[in-house]
Protein backbone atom coordinates (compact mmCIF):
# COMPACT_ATOMS: atom_id res chain seq x y z
CA UNK A 1 33.37 29.52 18.84
CA UNK A 2 34.64 27.15 15.77
CA UNK A 3 36.50 28.96 12.94
CA UNK A 4 37.13 27.49 10.01
CA UNK A 5 39.53 28.02 6.95
CA UNK A 6 37.10 28.70 3.94
CA UNK A 7 36.17 25.79 1.98
CA UNK A 8 37.29 25.73 -1.43
CA UNK A 9 35.19 25.26 -4.53
CA UNK A 10 32.27 27.35 -3.93
CA UNK A 11 33.82 30.44 -5.29
CA UNK A 12 36.12 31.28 -8.08
CA UNK A 13 39.50 32.92 -6.82
CA UNK A 14 38.32 36.30 -7.87
CA UNK A 15 34.77 36.28 -5.77
CA UNK A 16 36.68 34.57 -2.85
CA UNK A 17 39.35 37.22 -2.15
CA UNK A 18 36.14 39.83 -2.44
CA UNK A 19 34.09 37.43 -0.15
CA UNK A 20 37.04 37.18 2.78
CA UNK A 21 37.38 40.99 2.36
CA UNK A 22 33.73 41.81 4.03
CA UNK A 23 33.84 38.51 6.24
CA UNK A 24 37.17 40.24 7.88
CA UNK A 25 35.77 44.20 7.53
CA UNK A 26 32.59 42.76 9.80
CA UNK A 27 34.19 41.09 12.05
CA UNK A 28 36.50 44.33 12.50
CA UNK A 29 33.18 46.46 12.03
CA UNK A 30 31.78 44.85 15.20
CA UNK A 31 34.36 44.63 18.10
CA UNK A 32 33.40 43.81 21.45
CA UNK A 33 30.30 42.20 19.77
CA UNK A 34 29.64 38.08 20.25
CA UNK A 35 29.28 36.82 16.39
CA UNK A 36 28.08 33.80 16.93
CA UNK A 37 27.46 32.96 13.08
CA UNK A 38 29.60 34.68 9.58
CA UNK A 39 28.73 31.87 6.64
CA UNK A 40 28.49 31.95 2.98
CA UNK A 41 24.71 31.45 1.72
CA UNK A 42 22.64 31.95 -1.54
CA UNK A 43 23.03 30.32 -4.45
CA UNK A 44 27.26 29.64 -4.20
CA UNK A 45 26.87 27.68 -1.18
CA UNK A 46 24.26 25.63 -3.08
CA UNK A 47 26.11 25.48 -6.19
CA UNK A 48 23.86 26.84 -8.69
CA UNK A 49 24.72 30.17 -9.20
CA UNK A 50 24.36 31.75 -12.84
CA UNK A 51 26.02 34.94 -14.18
CA UNK A 52 24.26 37.30 -12.35
CA UNK A 53 24.39 35.66 -8.89
CA UNK A 54 25.69 37.95 -5.99
CA UNK A 55 27.86 36.60 -3.25
CA UNK A 56 25.30 36.13 -0.27
CA UNK A 57 27.01 36.70 3.00
CA UNK A 58 24.85 36.23 7.13
CA UNK A 59 25.83 37.23 10.02
CA UNK A 60 24.23 36.18 12.94
CA UNK A 61 25.17 38.79 16.28
CA UNK A 62 24.19 38.73 19.71
CA UNK A 63 22.91 41.86 21.25
CA UNK A 64 22.60 43.63 18.15
CA UNK A 65 20.75 47.46 18.72
CA UNK A 66 20.13 47.88 14.64
CA UNK A 67 20.76 44.69 12.16
CA UNK A 68 21.59 45.39 8.63
CA UNK A 69 21.00 44.23 5.16
CA UNK A 70 22.65 45.63 2.51
CA UNK A 71 24.68 45.40 -0.63
CA UNK A 72 28.40 46.23 -1.12
CA UNK A 73 30.94 45.90 -4.05
CA UNK A 74 34.67 44.59 -3.29
CA UNK A 75 37.23 43.41 -5.88
CA UNK A 76 34.40 44.16 -8.84
CA UNK A 77 32.01 41.76 -7.03
CA UNK A 78 28.55 42.68 -5.82
CA UNK A 79 28.02 41.25 -2.13
CA UNK A 80 24.83 41.06 -0.50
CA UNK A 81 24.89 41.21 3.32
CA UNK A 82 22.42 40.57 6.15
CA UNK A 83 23.33 41.03 9.67
CA UNK A 84 20.70 40.11 12.10
CA UNK A 85 20.73 39.22 15.95
CA UNK A 86 19.83 35.49 16.88
CA UNK A 87 15.98 36.42 17.92
CA UNK A 88 15.39 38.31 14.79
CA UNK A 89 16.70 35.07 13.10
CA UNK A 90 14.06 32.71 14.63
CA UNK A 91 11.32 35.10 14.35
CA UNK A 92 12.26 35.48 10.68
CA UNK A 93 11.65 31.74 9.92
CA UNK A 94 8.77 31.75 11.75
CA UNK A 95 7.47 34.81 10.26
CA UNK A 96 7.77 32.76 6.98
CA UNK A 97 6.20 29.97 8.13
CA UNK A 98 5.24 27.44 5.40
CA UNK A 99 5.03 29.75 2.20
CA UNK A 100 8.55 29.89 1.17
CA UNK A 101 10.82 29.50 3.87
CA UNK A 102 13.91 31.62 2.64
CA UNK A 103 15.93 32.29 5.77
CA UNK A 104 15.88 28.66 7.02
CA UNK A 105 16.69 27.78 3.29
CA UNK A 106 19.47 30.12 3.43
CA UNK A 107 21.41 28.68 7.18
CA UNK A 108 20.32 24.90 5.87
CA UNK A 109 22.47 25.32 3.17
CA UNK A 110 25.09 27.78 4.40
CA UNK A 111 28.97 27.45 4.62
CA UNK A 112 29.97 28.87 7.83
CA UNK A 113 33.76 30.75 8.73
CA UNK A 114 33.10 31.78 11.95
CA UNK A 115 30.54 29.37 14.41
CA UNK A 116 29.25 29.48 18.16
CA UNK A 117 28.58 25.77 17.96
CA UNK A 118 26.55 25.78 21.69
CA UNK A 119 24.73 28.92 20.34
CA UNK A 120 23.78 28.30 16.89
CA UNK A 121 22.45 24.51 17.37
CA UNK A 122 19.31 25.81 17.84
CA UNK A 123 18.71 28.32 15.56
CA UNK A 124 20.38 25.54 12.63
CA UNK A 125 17.96 22.70 14.41
CA UNK A 126 14.77 24.88 13.47
CA UNK A 127 15.86 26.26 10.11
CA UNK A 128 16.17 22.00 9.27
CA UNK A 129 13.29 20.89 11.18
CA UNK A 130 11.50 23.76 8.83
CA UNK A 131 13.29 22.62 5.79
CA UNK A 132 12.96 19.16 6.31
CA UNK A 133 9.10 19.18 6.66
CA UNK A 134 6.57 19.48 3.82
CA UNK A 135 3.99 22.00 4.13
CA UNK A 136 0.58 21.42 5.94
CA UNK A 137 -2.09 20.17 3.89
CA UNK A 138 -4.65 22.87 3.62
CA UNK A 139 -7.15 23.00 5.86
CA UNK A 140 -11.11 23.53 4.80
CA UNK A 141 -10.79 26.89 5.88
CA UNK A 142 -7.91 27.78 4.02
CA UNK A 143 -9.21 26.31 0.79
CA UNK A 144 -12.43 28.64 1.50
CA UNK A 145 -10.30 31.81 1.69
CA UNK A 146 -8.37 30.81 -1.45
CA UNK A 147 -11.80 30.31 -2.73
CA UNK A 148 -12.96 34.02 -1.95
CA UNK A 149 -9.68 35.23 -3.33
CA UNK A 150 -9.63 34.19 -6.78
CA UNK A 151 -13.03 34.76 -7.19
CA UNK A 152 -12.54 38.21 -6.69
CA UNK A 153 -9.57 38.29 -9.11
CA UNK A 154 -11.86 36.64 -12.26
CA UNK A 155 -14.24 39.50 -11.18
CA UNK A 156 -11.98 41.57 -10.96
CA UNK A 157 -10.33 40.61 -14.65
CA UNK A 158 -13.38 40.44 -16.95
CA UNK A 159 -14.24 43.91 -15.31
CA UNK A 160 -11.29 45.39 -16.02
CA UNK A 161 -10.51 47.94 -19.30
CA UNK A 162 -6.98 49.42 -17.98
CA UNK A 163 -4.44 47.39 -19.50
CA UNK A 164 -2.25 48.41 -16.99
CA UNK A 165 -4.69 46.88 -14.58
CA UNK A 166 -5.57 44.07 -16.54
CA UNK A 167 -1.78 43.05 -16.21
CA UNK A 168 -1.43 43.54 -12.82
CA UNK A 169 -4.34 41.84 -12.07
CA UNK A 170 -3.43 38.87 -14.17
CA UNK A 171 -0.39 38.75 -12.42
CA UNK A 172 -2.12 38.34 -8.82
CA UNK A 173 -4.45 35.56 -10.41
CA UNK A 174 -1.26 33.49 -11.76
CA UNK A 175 0.67 33.91 -8.18
CA UNK A 176 -1.91 33.04 -6.40
CA UNK A 177 -2.58 30.46 -8.64
CA UNK A 178 0.33 29.22 -8.09
CA UNK A 179 0.38 29.22 -4.27
CA UNK A 180 -2.84 27.22 -4.24
CA UNK A 181 -1.22 24.28 -6.31
CA UNK A 182 2.32 23.96 -4.22
CA UNK A 183 0.31 23.94 -1.15
CA UNK A 184 -2.04 21.62 -2.55
CA UNK A 185 0.89 19.55 -3.28
CA UNK A 186 2.37 20.05 -0.09
CA UNK A 187 5.67 21.10 -1.71
CA UNK A 188 7.40 24.40 -1.03
CA UNK A 189 7.97 27.02 -3.38
CA UNK A 190 11.55 27.55 -5.54
CA UNK A 191 13.01 31.09 -6.11
CA UNK A 192 11.67 32.96 -8.51
CA UNK A 193 14.00 31.74 -11.23
CA UNK A 194 13.44 27.54 -10.78
CA UNK A 195 9.74 28.06 -10.24
CA UNK A 196 9.02 27.34 -13.87
CA UNK A 197 11.41 23.64 -13.67
CA UNK A 198 9.73 23.32 -10.50
CA UNK A 199 6.46 23.57 -11.99
CA UNK A 200 7.39 21.37 -15.02
CA UNK A 201 8.92 18.44 -12.85
CA UNK A 202 5.23 18.55 -10.74
CA UNK A 203 2.21 19.22 -13.77
CA UNK A 204 3.32 20.15 -17.08
CA UNK A 205 0.08 20.87 -18.03
CA UNK A 206 -0.09 23.20 -15.48
CA UNK A 207 2.59 25.21 -16.26
CA UNK A 208 1.39 25.04 -19.96
CA UNK A 209 -2.54 26.74 -18.53
CA UNK A 210 0.02 29.14 -16.63
CA UNK A 211 2.12 30.04 -19.47
CA UNK A 212 -1.11 30.49 -21.69
CA UNK A 213 -2.86 32.77 -18.69
CA UNK A 214 0.66 35.15 -18.71
CA UNK A 215 -0.14 35.87 -22.41
CA UNK A 216 -3.82 35.96 -22.73
CA UNK A 217 -6.12 37.28 -20.78
CA UNK A 218 -9.26 35.22 -22.64
CA UNK A 219 -6.63 32.58 -21.74
CA UNK A 220 -7.55 32.36 -18.07
CA UNK A 221 -10.41 30.15 -18.06
CA UNK A 222 -8.44 27.08 -17.96
CA UNK A 223 -6.24 27.89 -15.24
CA UNK A 224 -9.18 28.60 -13.15
CA UNK A 225 -10.92 25.79 -13.79
CA UNK A 226 -7.98 23.91 -13.02
CA UNK A 227 -7.04 25.32 -9.22
CA UNK A 228 -10.69 25.48 -8.60
CA UNK A 229 -10.58 21.59 -8.85
CA UNK A 230 -7.52 21.54 -6.15
CA UNK A 231 -10.16 23.66 -3.65
CA UNK A 232 -12.94 21.03 -4.35
CA UNK A 233 -14.80 23.22 -6.77
CA UNK A 234 -15.93 26.97 -6.95
CA UNK A 235 -17.25 29.10 -4.03
CA UNK A 236 -21.26 29.02 -3.66
CA UNK A 237 -22.62 32.55 -4.89
CA UNK A 238 -24.22 32.52 -1.26
CA UNK A 239 -21.90 32.19 1.63
CA UNK A 240 -21.15 33.26 5.11
CA UNK A 241 -18.23 33.17 7.00
CA UNK A 242 -18.40 33.61 11.48
CA UNK A 243 -16.35 32.86 13.96
CA UNK A 244 -16.17 33.50 18.18
CA UNK A 245 -15.33 36.94 18.91
């Protein structure tokens, strides 16, 4: 087990006091358990917090029977904590796959207080391998599936009369368009707060189309045409899918 002093400069004195208070209590809450990792993750570990960022604490414990994810308040500060067994952390990283590797990203940027080097190395290596590898290029099958989803949403949006349902469908259409765009560019999706900046750097025109579609239902045509082009054209009216049983 490696025990290190908290690295100064990532938290204010007040935030640091709250973080260390929770970290100490978490250690005391699991007597007899093997804590193989305890550290600071999230926006503070990445040094890009805003005024509304809470403090994220990640804990990995062997032979854990009940995982926990919650929030607490210390010194008037909100802290979010994640307590998982190592095998669950691995499953989470694998499940998040190539779309938005949240857990891998957190661990990749973590600043730890406690760490078992031998047992954490495979986990951290997996996190790094996910982060440094670009998402796979879209396969023909994935493109066809996206065409199907996109066409269905467009049809529903044209038919709908209820303003609430229209808003929900348009939101799904926008989210799907962002996913297709980023997959086509083989780029990870950033956190929600950073998506506009990410898209602006990749394609100001695509971001403009998204914003137009956000405000006016009549303006989604340009966005759909753009995304259709990324997929190689719209899905044909007559189509079939098949595969071995």
